[in-house]
């Protein structure tokens, strides 16, 4: 699988999908149902070749200065991750195949 379901707090409903980002080396989430105050993305319901829209932007800010330390901005189309040029990692401007995600990703 290229994505893994994210469930609400009582595990009764899928509220999003997570995937392994090869640029950041950790998981990112697309929220597909209202959960907390997250933005909602459209999803093609194809876990083997997922497409989400709009783009996803993840940032890591310095808590004192609020300056952006890391930035990952991407589109996912048909199982391909298109990293935009404003990413701060080495895959900026590149398109790569989504990686398979392990159920035990956090234990690796």
Foldseek 3Di string as FASTA:
>chain_A
DQWDFDAPPVRPDGQWIWGQDPFVRGIDIAGQHDDDPDDHWDWPPDPQFIFIDDKDKDFDADVPPRHTPFIWIWGRGGQKTQTDQPGPGPQHRHIGGRDDDDPPNVVD
